[in-house]
Amino acid sequence: MYSNGKNVAHSGQGRFVGNFIATLVFLAMFCGAIYALSFWTLDNAWIPGLSCLVLTVLAWAIPQHILGISDRSPAKTASER
């Protein structure tokens, strides 16, 4: 599959290390969000709850909206990009 003279079938090739590091960082953020819930008590629920919420939102929103291609329509073909 070609678009503008470029083979788009292998467009992610050669970016393994960067993708792997980003995956580890955001997985660590998500694990930190789950770990924050271990400090949850009835006397102290706000700080662990809010930190879990913030870390979870960051761990999912940054890869999807900033690093990802969420602005592209899935109906577009390679020739329309």
Foldseek 3Di string as FASTA:
>chain_A
DDEPRDDPVPVPPPCVVVVVVLLVVLVVLQVVLVVLCVPDDPVDHPPSVVSSVVSVCCSPCCCPPPVHPVVDDPPDDPHVD
